[in-house]
Amino acid sequence: MKKKNRWQWVIHAILAVLAIISLVASISNLYGPKLINGWISQVTEDSTSDTSTGMNNMAISNNANEDDGSEVTNALAAQRLIVHNATDGYEAIYDLDAIRGFKTIVSGFEYESSYEEDSAYNIRNYADSQEFIEGKLTNETPVNLFLADVLTLPADLQEMAISSYIYILGTDQVYLVNDAENIAYGLTVTNKASEINETTSNFLDDHNHALTPVVPVNLADSLTYVSTEENQLNHLTYLQERQPNTYFLNHFFERPEDIHDYSLNSIARYYTEGRQLTINMETFEVTLLQNVGEEAATSLNSQVTATSEAIGDILPDHDSWLYAEYNGNDGDIINYRKYVNSQPVFGNNYVAKTQFVMSGDEIKNIYLSSLTIQTQVSDLSESYTIMSGVDALNLLNNAGYANQDISELVLGYRWVQNPESSRLVELVPSWHVQMDDEWYMLENLVDMSRYPSLATRYTETGETVDLSVYFSDLGDPVSEEAVKTAVEEDLSATLSAEELSASTESTVEADASANVEEAN
């Protein structure tokens, strides 16, 4: 009898453990793992400890180490490395690992505290007579994305923005260049010449196979480089995934019980005092608006530091998102772009661009998408052959777009829904053109039916790719980054705190189960 009772006790214990596990799993599915972690943290942390983060007390963790700038510099999106020599002229490397590798080499040099100032025009004329390696960056790139410890630079240069850095091979000279401002600063490297030469020589030997011929061209904002030969790039297919609403609720709000749910039809809206989260359930755009304090004096360096840390916290595939550009014309706007296979991705409704609106060093608004692509369907990949950059620029000129109207021309991917399955996303290779802060696919600016010999074709068969299968607006000047819906841009235009408190609408906590079921 005692043996039987002992086995009954063991069975009851096992059932109790399974019940606890089931309860924890249910709560985790309902509220997400961060809430569980929060409960655990409350047991071990002092109740008066400061839980604020770099995102204005959002309920997210700040994983970046403030004493180590390596996480921030990894967000650098150099467009290409340019190698110039007397024999081969200009050649480019597009591989991001190689670009980061050379940036690590140059940013690791030790520099004298003094510098020489000159015009970008003069330095480029001088460099054209030398052999050099240039890191061509996006315009307005803060110098702390180039160099983790900006304090190693002269004080006057620690807050500058650059469009290129140039190392003159075989010398101790590095130039930080801002083409838009027509200014350049010459730095002197203090490392041993033999060490510098060996390091740079080894780098070129390792990446010689990746060199592609290019030519320099002057566009609206700066000098850039375009390919002289046809390009081969794979058309890629990915499974489309979506982060559920609860994922963003747990990232942007600290107390679920204080969130008010004003969702209606296809728009999910969540409020607390001073903060609004809107999710469009048709386009899956995600918009966070929040009140912040008065704008304080700041720098592009510190703004990019704050936003790159936020990218690391918010986006599950954050390693593929890189700093893209700064736009100060419409306020302090910082953009990050998704990269796949070292190529930028473009698409509607923020699927490939995350945008931050800043107030000083504080994040005021965030625009992003809940859609993600992380799993490639490899057997659907096909190689495309795309015209050279020289041909693309000539077509734009012939269509009436002068170089002075074009800010940038890059080869990248257009994100488009698979026409047969909503579960699949196609990344279609194409040239992309930036004009007036808007990005366009080349085929949306040029009628390619007039130039059949330059149309994109399948590499294996040589047959022309029918892009109309994916795009119904070919030939129309349609922005790649168009947003199909609009939300309030200011919290003052939405419900007040008093209205929120007086509301009888259900809270997120009461509707959490429905939201999870809807998200799945």
Protein backbone atom coordinates (compact mmCIF):
# COMPACT_ATOMS: atom_id res chain seq x y z
CA MET A 1 0.00 0.00 0.00
CA LYS A 2 2.78 2.41 0.87
CA LYS A 3 4.45 1.71 -2.48
CA LYS A 4 1.19 2.49 -4.30
CA ASN A 5 0.78 5.77 -2.39
CA ARG A 6 4.35 6.73 -3.20
CA TRP A 7 3.71 6.25 -6.93
CA GLN A 8 0.50 8.28 -6.69
CA TRP A 9 2.47 11.10 -5.08
CA VAL A 10 5.04 10.99 -7.90
CA ILE A 11 2.29 11.10 -10.55
CA HIS A 12 0.60 14.06 -8.83
CA ALA A 13 3.93 15.89 -8.65
CA ILE A 14 4.55 15.35 -12.37
CA LEU A 15 1.04 16.58 -13.22
CA ALA A 16 1.57 19.67 -11.05
CA VAL A 17 4.84 20.50 -12.81
CA LEU A 18 3.19 20.06 -16.22
CA ALA A 19 0.35 22.36 -15.13
CA ILE A 20 2.82 25.05 -14.09
CA ILE A 21 4.71 24.74 -17.38
CA SER A 22 1.45 25.01 -19.30
CA LEU A 23 0.44 28.11 -17.33
CA VAL A 24 3.78 29.83 -17.96
CA ALA A 25 3.61 28.98 -21.67
CA SER A 26 0.09 30.39 -21.91
CA ILE A 27 1.12 33.64 -20.24
CA SER A 28 4.20 33.86 -22.45
CA ASN A 29 2.08 33.44 -25.59
CA LEU A 30 -0.39 35.98 -24.32
CA TYR A 31 1.98 38.74 -23.26
CA GLY A 32 5.31 37.77 -24.74
CA PRO A 33 8.57 36.75 -23.06
CA LYS A 34 9.49 40.26 -22.04
CA LEU A 35 6.66 40.43 -19.53
CA ILE A 36 7.85 37.18 -17.94
CA ASN A 37 11.37 38.58 -17.79
CA GLY A 38 9.95 41.73 -16.23
CA TRP A 39 8.28 39.76 -13.44
CA ILE A 40 11.51 37.91 -12.74
CA SER A 41 13.46 41.18 -12.75
CA GLN A 42 11.09 42.73 -10.24
CA VAL A 43 11.92 39.98 -7.77
CA THR A 44 15.67 40.55 -8.04
CA GLU A 45 15.87 44.31 -8.56
CA ASP A 46 15.24 47.15 -6.16
CA SER A 47 11.82 48.65 -6.74
CA THR A 48 13.29 52.16 -6.90
CA SER A 49 15.91 51.35 -9.54
CA ASP A 50 15.94 53.40 -12.77
CA THR A 51 14.40 51.40 -15.61
CA SER A 52 14.61 54.12 -18.25
CA THR A 53 16.27 53.35 -21.56
CA GLY A 54 17.68 55.27 -24.46
CA MET A 55 14.19 55.34 -26.01
CA ASN A 56 12.45 57.60 -23.54
CA ASN A 57 11.38 54.95 -21.02
CA MET A 58 10.07 52.51 -23.60
CA ALA A 59 9.71 49.01 -22.25
CA ILE A 60 12.70 47.67 -24.13
CA SER A 61 16.16 46.62 -23.11
CA ASN A 62 19.23 48.57 -24.13
CA ASN A 63 21.78 45.98 -25.21
CA ALA A 64 24.35 48.38 -26.57
CA ASN A 65 27.42 48.94 -24.45
CA GLU A 66 27.84 52.70 -24.06
CA ASP A 67 31.57 52.28 -23.59
CA ASP A 68 32.01 50.32 -26.81
CA GLY A 69 31.15 51.91 -30.14
CA SER A 70 31.53 48.69 -32.11
CA GLU A 71 27.76 48.07 -32.21
CA VAL A 72 27.20 51.53 -33.64
CA THR A 73 29.96 51.31 -36.25
CA ASN A 74 28.55 47.98 -37.45
CA ALA A 75 25.47 49.94 -38.57
CA LEU A 76 27.57 51.69 -41.23
CA ALA A 77 26.21 51.18 -44.76
CA ALA A 78 29.09 51.97 -47.06
CA GLN A 79 27.83 51.67 -50.61
CA ARG A 80 31.08 50.40 -52.09
CA LEU A 81 34.85 50.32 -51.81
CA ILE A 82 36.72 51.92 -54.69
CA VAL A 83 40.23 50.80 -55.63
CA HIS A 84 42.17 53.05 -58.03
CA ASN A 85 45.48 52.28 -59.72
CA ALA A 86 47.27 53.29 -62.89
CA THR A 87 46.80 49.88 -64.56
CA ASP A 88 43.15 49.04 -64.01
CA GLY A 89 41.62 52.47 -63.38
CA TYR A 90 38.66 52.39 -60.99
CA GLU A 91 37.25 49.16 -59.58
CA ALA A 92 34.62 48.54 -56.92
CA ILE A 93 33.98 46.01 -54.15
CA TYR A 94 30.34 45.67 -53.05
CA ASP A 95 30.64 42.91 -50.46
CA LEU A 96 29.64 44.27 -47.04
CA ASP A 97 32.05 42.04 -45.15
CA ALA A 98 34.94 43.38 -47.23
CA ILE A 99 33.71 46.96 -46.79
CA ARG A 100 33.56 46.52 -43.04
CA GLY A 101 36.92 44.79 -43.03
CA PHE A 102 38.69 47.71 -44.67
CA LYS A 103 36.85 50.22 -42.50
CA THR A 104 38.17 48.30 -39.49
CA ILE A 105 41.70 48.60 -40.87
CA VAL A 106 41.55 52.35 -41.52
CA SER A 107 39.62 53.20 -38.35
CA GLY A 108 42.18 51.20 -36.39
CA PHE A 109 45.07 53.42 -37.48
CA GLU A 110 46.56 55.82 -34.97
CA TYR A 111 46.45 59.45 -36.06
CA GLU A 112 48.29 62.64 -35.22
CA SER A 113 46.28 65.26 -33.33
CA SER A 114 46.73 67.83 -36.11
CA TYR A 115 45.08 67.86 -39.54
CA GLU A 116 45.07 69.77 -42.82
CA GLU A 117 41.91 71.27 -44.29
CA ASP A 118 41.30 71.52 -48.03
CA SER A 119 38.45 71.37 -50.53
CA ALA A 120 37.03 68.01 -51.56
CA TYR A 121 37.61 69.07 -55.17
CA ASN A 122 41.35 69.54 -54.62
CA ILE A 123 41.77 66.30 -52.69
CA ARG A 124 39.96 64.29 -55.36
CA ASN A 125 42.12 65.81 -58.08
CA TYR A 126 45.20 64.87 -56.05
CA ALA A 127 43.88 61.33 -55.39
CA ASP A 128 43.22 60.76 -59.10
CA SER A 129 46.98 60.87 -59.68
CA GLN A 130 47.61 58.35 -56.89
CA GLU A 131 46.70 54.78 -56.06
CA PHE A 132 44.05 54.73 -53.34
CA ILE A 133 41.22 52.86 -51.65
CA GLU A 134 38.05 54.85 -50.99
CA GLY A 135 35.13 53.92 -48.80
CA LYS A 136 32.15 55.54 -50.53
CA LEU A 137 29.52 56.16 -47.87
CA THR A 138 25.96 57.44 -47.97
CA ASN A 139 25.75 61.22 -47.75
CA GLU A 140 25.76 62.77 -44.30
CA THR A 141 27.33 59.81 -42.53
CA PRO A 142 28.40 60.76 -38.99
CA VAL A 143 32.07 60.16 -38.37
CA ASN A 144 31.36 57.91 -35.38
CA LEU A 145 30.04 55.29 -37.82
CA PHE A 146 33.48 55.30 -39.39
CA LEU A 147 35.47 55.39 -36.17
CA ALA A 148 34.20 53.81 -32.95
CA ASP A 149 36.31 56.06 -30.71
CA VAL A 150 35.96 59.54 -32.22
CA LEU A 151 38.06 60.92 -29.37
CA THR A 152 41.12 59.66 -31.26
CA LEU A 153 40.37 62.32 -33.90
CA PRO A 154 41.21 66.00 -33.49
CA ALA A 155 38.48 67.74 -31.46
CA ASP A 156 37.29 69.83 -34.43
CA LEU A 157 36.50 66.69 -36.44
CA GLN A 158 34.66 64.62 -33.85
CA GLU A 159 31.20 65.87 -34.87
CA MET A 160 31.64 66.04 -38.65
CA ALA A 161 29.68 64.12 -41.28
CA ILE A 162 31.52 62.52 -44.20
CA SER A 163 30.60 61.05 -47.59
CA SER A 164 33.91 59.20 -48.17
CA TYR A 165 37.17 58.25 -46.56
CA ILE A 166 40.23 57.84 -48.78
CA TYR A 167 43.52 56.13 -47.98
CA ILE A 168 46.40 56.90 -50.35
CA LEU A 169 48.24 53.60 -50.80
CA GLY A 170 51.88 53.51 -49.76
CA THR A 171 51.59 56.71 -47.71
CA ASP A 172 50.55 57.83 -44.23
CA GLN A 173 47.63 59.91 -45.55
CA VAL A 174 43.92 59.40 -44.90
CA TYR A 175 41.31 61.95 -46.01
CA LEU A 176 37.82 62.43 -44.58
CA VAL A 177 35.70 63.95 -47.35
CA ASN A 178 32.31 65.65 -47.43
CA ASP A 179 31.49 66.22 -51.11
CA ALA A 180 28.24 68.09 -50.45
CA GLU A 181 30.10 70.67 -48.35
CA ASN A 182 33.17 70.54 -50.62
CA ILE A 183 35.49 70.06 -47.68
CA ALA A 184 38.13 67.48 -46.79
CA TYR A 185 40.44 66.90 -43.84
CA GLY A 186 43.81 65.23 -44.16
CA LEU A 187 44.96 63.01 -41.30
CA THR A 188 48.45 61.62 -40.76
CA VAL A 189 48.78 57.97 -39.71
CA THR A 190 51.48 57.32 -37.11
CA ASN A 191 51.64 53.52 -37.50
CA LYS A 192 54.79 52.04 -39.02
CA ALA A 193 54.77 52.25 -42.81
CA SER A 194 55.73 48.58 -43.12
CA GLU A 195 52.71 47.54 -41.02
CA ILE A 196 50.32 49.71 -43.03
CA ASN A 197 51.63 48.47 -46.37
CA GLU A 198 51.46 44.83 -45.34
CA THR A 199 47.92 45.14 -44.01
CA THR A 200 46.52 46.95 -47.05
CA SER A 201 48.40 44.68 -49.48
CA ASN A 202 46.98 41.57 -47.81
CA PHE A 203 43.50 43.05 -47.95
CA LEU A 204 43.73 43.71 -51.69
CA ASP A 205 45.08 40.22 -52.34
CA ASP A 206 42.21 38.66 -50.40
CA HIS A 207 39.53 40.60 -52.31
CA ASN A 208 41.04 40.90 -55.76
CA HIS A 209 38.45 38.43 -57.10
CA ALA A 210 35.60 40.76 -56.10
CA LEU A 211 36.75 43.80 -58.08
CA THR A 212 34.29 45.20 -60.65
CA PRO A 213 35.16 47.98 -63.17
CA VAL A 214 33.46 51.33 -62.47
CA VAL A 215 33.76 54.96 -63.56
CA PRO A 216 33.28 58.13 -61.48
CA VAL A 217 30.31 60.37 -62.26
CA ASN A 218 29.14 63.63 -60.73
CA LEU A 219 25.56 63.61 -59.48
CA ALA A 220 23.51 66.21 -57.62
CA ASP A 221 25.02 65.79 -54.16
CA SER A 222 28.40 64.19 -54.71
CA LEU A 223 30.71 62.16 -56.85
CA THR A 224 29.73 58.52 -57.15
CA TYR A 225 30.78 55.43 -59.12
CA VAL A 226 28.74 53.30 -61.52
CA SER A 227 29.57 49.95 -63.11
CA THR A 228 30.72 49.72 -66.72
CA GLU A 229 29.78 46.07 -67.20
CA GLU A 230 26.54 44.10 -66.90
CA ASN A 231 25.67 42.87 -63.42
CA GLN A 232 24.48 39.45 -62.35
CA LEU A 233 22.26 39.31 -59.30
CA ASN A 234 19.95 36.57 -58.06
CA HIS A 235 16.20 37.07 -57.90
CA LEU A 236 15.34 35.86 -54.39
CA THR A 237 12.18 34.45 -52.81
CA TYR A 238 11.47 34.57 -49.05
CA LEU A 239 8.74 33.41 -46.73
CA GLN A 240 6.86 36.42 -45.46
CA GLU A 241 6.59 36.60 -41.68
CA ARG A 242 4.83 39.07 -39.40
CA GLN A 243 5.47 40.11 -35.84
CA PRO A 244 2.21 39.98 -33.83
CA ASN A 245 0.82 43.15 -32.27
CA THR A 246 1.81 41.94 -28.81
CA TYR A 247 5.46 41.98 -29.91
CA PHE A 248 5.31 45.76 -30.36
CA LEU A 249 3.13 46.32 -27.31
CA ASN A 250 5.72 44.63 -25.11
CA HIS A 251 8.52 46.67 -26.69
CA PHE A 252 6.88 50.08 -26.51
CA PHE A 253 4.81 49.96 -23.32
CA GLU A 254 5.91 49.16 -19.78
CA ARG A 255 2.57 48.46 -18.08
CA PRO A 256 0.02 46.43 -20.09
CA GLU A 257 -2.76 47.34 -17.69
CA ASP A 258 -2.36 51.05 -18.59
CA ILE A 259 -2.80 50.56 -22.33
CA HIS A 260 -6.14 51.55 -23.88
CA ASP A 261 -7.23 49.77 -27.04
CA TYR A 262 -9.05 51.96 -29.59
CA SER A 263 -8.75 49.54 -32.50
CA LEU A 264 -11.34 49.96 -35.22
CA ASN A 265 -11.79 47.98 -38.42
CA SER A 266 -8.38 47.49 -40.02
CA ILE A 267 -6.49 49.93 -37.78
CA ALA A 268 -5.17 48.79 -34.40
CA ARG A 269 -4.62 51.76 -32.06
CA TYR A 270 -3.16 51.64 -28.58
CA TYR A 271 -2.74 54.59 -26.21
CA THR A 272 -1.20 55.53 -22.96
CA GLU A 273 -0.67 59.07 -21.79
CA GLY A 274 1.83 60.67 -24.15
CA ARG A 275 2.24 57.66 -26.44
CA GLN A 276 0.32 56.12 -29.35
CA LEU A 277 0.99 52.93 -31.28
CA THR A 278 -0.85 52.42 -34.58
CA ILE A 279 -0.70 49.24 -36.67
CA ASN A 280 -2.40 49.07 -40.06
CA MET A 281 -3.67 45.51 -40.40
CA GLU A 282 -3.85 45.76 -44.21
CA THR A 283 -0.43 47.22 -45.04
CA PHE A 284 1.17 46.30 -41.66
CA GLU A 285 2.77 49.70 -41.21
CA VAL A 286 3.68 50.36 -37.59
CA THR A 287 3.76 53.92 -36.27
CA LEU A 288 4.83 55.03 -32.80
CA LEU A 289 4.18 58.62 -31.77
CA GLN A 290 5.16 59.98 -28.38
CA ASN A 291 5.55 63.26 -26.56
CA VAL A 292 9.12 64.22 -25.70
CA GLY A 293 10.74 67.09 -23.85
CA GLU A 294 12.05 70.28 -25.37
CA GLU A 295 14.61 69.77 -28.09
CA ALA A 296 18.13 70.07 -26.71
CA ALA A 297 21.36 70.75 -28.56
CA THR A 298 22.61 67.56 -30.14
CA SER A 299 24.75 66.13 -32.92
CA LEU A 300 24.22 63.66 -35.73
CA ASN A 301 26.71 61.38 -33.97
CA SER A 302 24.58 61.08 -30.84
CA GLN A 303 21.32 60.76 -32.79
CA VAL A 304 22.68 57.87 -34.82
CA THR A 305 23.96 56.25 -31.64
CA ALA A 306 20.47 56.44 -30.08
CA THR A 307 18.68 55.13 -33.16
CA SER A 308 21.13 52.32 -33.87
CA GLU A 309 20.63 51.06 -30.31
CA ALA A 310 16.86 51.22 -30.88
CA ILE A 311 17.19 49.25 -34.11
CA GLY A 312 19.01 46.52 -32.18
CA ASP A 313 16.16 46.34 -29.70
CA ILE A 314 13.12 46.60 -31.95
CA LEU A 315 13.89 44.61 -35.08
CA PRO A 316 14.31 40.83 -34.81
CA ASP A 317 16.54 40.82 -37.91
CA HIS A 318 18.45 43.94 -36.84
CA ASP A 319 21.79 42.66 -38.17
CA SER A 320 20.51 43.21 -41.72
CA TRP A 321 19.50 46.85 -41.10
CA LEU A 322 22.08 49.56 -41.72
CA TYR A 323 22.22 53.33 -41.41
CA ALA A 324 21.14 54.79 -44.75
CA GLU A 325 20.70 58.55 -44.60
CA TYR A 326 19.96 61.69 -42.66
CA ASN A 327 17.38 64.22 -43.80
CA GLY A 328 17.44 67.53 -41.99
CA ASN A 329 15.16 69.35 -44.41
CA ASP A 330 11.93 68.10 -42.81
CA GLY A 331 13.22 67.89 -39.25
CA ASP A 332 15.85 65.52 -37.89
CA ILE A 333 15.02 62.28 -39.70
CA ILE A 334 17.28 59.21 -39.51
CA ASN A 335 16.64 56.35 -41.95
CA TYR A 336 17.85 52.75 -41.77
CA ARG A 337 17.57 50.33 -44.67
CA LYS A 338 17.39 46.56 -44.94
CA TYR A 339 20.24 44.85 -46.83
CA VAL A 340 20.21 41.37 -48.37
CA ASN A 341 23.39 39.86 -49.82
CA SER A 342 25.12 43.26 -49.49
CA GLN A 343 22.43 44.95 -51.61
CA PRO A 344 19.90 47.57 -50.39
CA VAL A 345 16.22 46.67 -50.45
CA PHE A 346 13.43 49.09 -51.43
CA GLY A 347 9.69 48.75 -50.98
CA ASN A 348 6.40 50.37 -49.97
CA ASN A 349 5.02 50.91 -46.48
CA TYR A 350 8.35 50.75 -44.62
CA VAL A 351 8.97 47.07 -45.36
CA ALA A 352 12.62 47.93 -46.13
CA LYS A 353 13.06 51.28 -44.39
CA THR A 354 12.78 52.18 -40.71
CA GLN A 355 12.47 55.89 -40.05
CA PHE A 356 13.12 57.83 -36.84
CA VAL A 357 11.99 61.41 -36.23
CA MET A 358 14.20 62.93 -33.58
CA SER A 359 13.83 65.74 -31.06
CA GLY A 360 17.37 66.34 -29.95
CA ASP A 361 18.68 62.97 -28.79
CA GLU A 362 15.18 61.67 -28.04
CA ILE A 363 13.11 59.59 -30.44
CA LYS A 364 9.82 61.33 -31.20
CA ASN A 365 8.31 59.08 -33.89
CA ILE A 366 9.16 55.69 -35.38
CA TYR A 367 7.84 54.33 -38.68
CA LEU A 368 8.46 50.69 -39.57
CA SER A 369 6.72 47.49 -40.69
CA SER A 370 5.66 44.37 -38.85
CA LEU A 371 6.54 42.29 -41.93
CA THR A 372 9.89 40.54 -42.03
CA ILE A 373 11.75 38.15 -44.32
CA GLN A 374 14.29 35.81 -42.78
CA THR A 375 13.75 32.40 -44.41
CA GLN A 376 14.81 32.10 -48.05
CA VAL A 377 13.17 29.61 -50.43
CA SER A 378 16.44 28.68 -52.13
CA ASP A 379 15.05 26.51 -54.90
CA LEU A 380 13.10 29.49 -56.32
CA SER A 381 16.22 31.63 -56.75
CA GLU A 382 17.18 32.61 -60.32
CA SER A 383 20.10 34.62 -61.71
CA TYR A 384 19.23 37.84 -63.54
CA THR A 385 21.53 39.85 -65.80
CA ILE A 386 21.02 43.60 -65.37
CA MET A 387 22.41 46.43 -67.49
CA SER A 388 25.51 48.34 -66.40
CA GLY A 389 25.30 51.49 -64.31
CA VAL A 390 26.64 53.52 -67.24
CA ASP A 391 23.76 52.31 -69.41
CA ALA A 392 21.25 52.99 -66.63
CA LEU A 393 22.50 56.57 -66.26
CA ASN A 394 22.38 57.11 -70.04
CA LEU A 395 18.76 55.91 -70.11
CA LEU A 396 17.86 58.35 -67.35
CA ASN A 397 19.55 61.20 -69.20
CA ASN A 398 17.69 60.28 -72.40
CA ALA A 399 14.41 60.28 -70.45
CA GLY A 400 15.04 63.86 -69.33
CA TYR A 401 16.65 63.26 -65.93
CA ALA A 402 19.94 65.13 -65.80
CA ASN A 403 22.78 64.12 -63.49
CA GLN A 404 22.07 67.26 -61.45
CA ASP A 405 18.56 65.90 -60.73
CA ILE A 406 19.85 62.54 -59.46
CA SER A 407 21.20 62.18 -55.94
CA GLU A 408 22.17 58.50 -56.15
CA LEU A 409 22.04 55.48 -58.45
CA VAL A 410 22.44 52.03 -56.87
CA LEU A 411 21.77 48.43 -57.77
CA GLY A 412 19.42 46.82 -55.27
CA TYR A 413 16.28 44.78 -54.70
CA ARG A 414 12.63 45.76 -55.00
CA TRP A 415 10.44 44.03 -52.39
CA VAL A 416 7.21 42.86 -54.04
CA GLN A 417 4.45 40.41 -53.13
CA ASN A 418 4.47 37.11 -54.97
CA PRO A 419 1.55 37.34 -57.44
CA GLU A 420 0.38 33.80 -56.62
CA SER A 421 0.95 33.54 -52.86
CA SER A 422 0.61 36.10 -50.08
CA ARG A 423 3.00 33.97 -48.05
CA LEU A 424 5.93 34.74 -50.35
CA VAL A 425 7.96 37.88 -51.01
CA GLU A 426 10.02 38.38 -54.15
CA LEU A 427 13.21 40.46 -54.17
CA VAL A 428 13.54 41.64 -57.77
CA PRO A 429 16.96 43.05 -58.81
CA SER A 430 16.86 46.50 -60.40
CA TRP A 431 18.63 49.84 -60.54
CA HIS A 432 17.20 52.34 -58.06
CA VAL A 433 17.36 56.11 -58.43
CA GLN A 434 17.16 58.75 -55.72
CA MET A 435 15.72 62.16 -56.62
CA ASP A 436 14.45 64.81 -54.18
CA ASP A 437 14.76 62.38 -51.25
CA GLU A 438 12.54 59.82 -53.04
CA TRP A 439 13.66 56.46 -54.42
CA TYR A 440 12.40 55.08 -57.75
CA MET A 441 12.94 51.85 -59.60
CA LEU A 442 14.55 52.58 -62.98
CA GLU A 443 11.67 50.88 -64.78
CA ASN A 444 9.28 53.38 -63.15
CA LEU A 445 11.13 56.24 -64.84
CA VAL A 446 12.11 54.77 -68.21
CA ASP A 447 9.95 52.98 -70.78
CA MET A 448 12.11 49.89 -71.22
CA SER A 449 10.02 48.67 -74.17
CA ARG A 450 12.02 51.16 -76.23
CA TYR A 451 15.32 49.53 -75.19
CA PRO A 452 14.84 45.74 -75.47
CA SER A 453 18.59 45.07 -75.66
CA LEU A 454 19.02 46.61 -72.19
CA ALA A 455 16.08 44.86 -70.52
CA THR A 456 16.72 42.55 -67.56
CA ARG A 457 17.04 38.94 -68.70
CA TYR A 458 17.51 35.47 -67.29
CA THR A 459 21.23 34.72 -67.11
CA GLU A 460 20.83 31.05 -68.02
CA THR A 461 18.56 31.38 -71.06
CA GLY A 462 19.04 35.00 -72.12
CA GLU A 463 15.28 35.51 -72.31
CA THR A 464 13.82 38.84 -71.20
CA VAL A 465 12.27 38.90 -67.72
CA ASP A 466 8.64 39.99 -67.78
CA LEU A 467 8.60 42.44 -64.89
CA SER A 468 4.93 43.28 -65.50
CA VAL A 469 4.15 40.02 -63.66
CA TYR A 470 5.21 41.82 -60.47
CA PHE A 471 4.52 45.48 -61.29
CA SER A 472 1.40 47.03 -62.81
CA ASP A 473 2.81 50.56 -62.87
CA LEU A 474 5.91 50.19 -65.05
CA GLY A 475 6.71 53.43 -66.84
CA ASP A 476 4.97 55.55 -64.18
CA PRO A 477 7.10 57.64 -61.79
CA VAL A 478 6.07 55.71 -58.68
CA SER A 479 8.13 56.13 -55.53
CA GLU A 480 9.48 52.87 -54.14
CA GLU A 481 8.91 54.11 -50.61
CA ALA A 482 5.30 55.24 -51.01
CA VAL A 483 3.09 54.95 -47.93
CA LYS A 484 -0.48 53.96 -48.68
CA THR A 485 -2.09 55.18 -45.46
CA ALA A 486 -1.65 58.11 -43.12
CA VAL A 487 -1.87 58.44 -39.35
CA GLU A 488 -1.88 61.43 -37.04
CA GLU A 489 1.58 62.98 -36.95
CA ASP A 490 1.08 64.68 -33.60
CA LEU A 491 -0.31 63.29 -30.38
CA SER A 492 -2.01 66.62 -29.73
CA ALA A 493 -4.33 65.79 -32.64
CA THR A 494 -5.39 62.53 -31.03
CA LEU A 495 -7.17 61.68 -27.82
CA SER A 496 -6.17 63.57 -24.70
CA ALA A 497 -5.05 61.90 -21.49
CA GLU A 498 -8.38 62.84 -19.85
CA GLU A 499 -10.33 61.24 -22.68
CA LEU A 500 -8.23 58.13 -22.39
CA SER A 501 -8.80 57.90 -18.64
CA ALA A 502 -12.54 58.45 -18.97
CA SER A 503 -12.93 55.96 -21.77
CA THR A 504 -14.88 52.80 -21.24
CA GLU A 505 -13.06 51.04 -24.07
CA SER A 506 -11.44 47.76 -23.19
CA THR A 507 -7.80 47.67 -22.30
CA VAL A 508 -5.16 45.61 -24.04
CA GLU A 509 -5.00 43.29 -21.10
CA ALA A 510 -8.65 42.35 -21.56
CA ASP A 511 -8.28 41.88 -25.31
CA ALA A 512 -4.85 40.29 -25.34
CA SER A 513 -6.17 36.86 -26.22
CA ALA A 514 -8.05 38.22 -29.23
CA ASN A 515 -4.98 40.12 -30.42
CA VAL A 516 -2.78 37.06 -30.22
CA GLU A 517 -5.32 34.97 -32.11
CA GLU A 518 -5.64 37.74 -34.74
CA ALA A 519 -1.88 38.00 -35.11
CA ASN A 520 -1.57 34.30 -35.71
